[in-house]
């Protein structure tokens, strides 16, 4: 028989909810429309994930997308600069 405390069970539930939510977020791709945002909110509620960790996941996902876009833009600029020399 496994013995878990209530606190351990709560941590496991929270951690898994964050993983599921992050996976759902990533599966939507780069562009989010209103329907996808509603779906993400519904998933957040279904997983019983509080607003703070959900917002952290949203910020992290957005930050990564911005970094990717900046990196792509810089690479394009560099290649155009080299081609123009």
Foldseek 3Di string as FASTA:
>chain_A
DDDDDPVRVVVVLQVVLLVVLLVLVVVVPDDDDPVSVVVSVVSCVVSVHDPVSSVVSVVVSVVVSVVVVVVVVVVVVVVVVVVVD
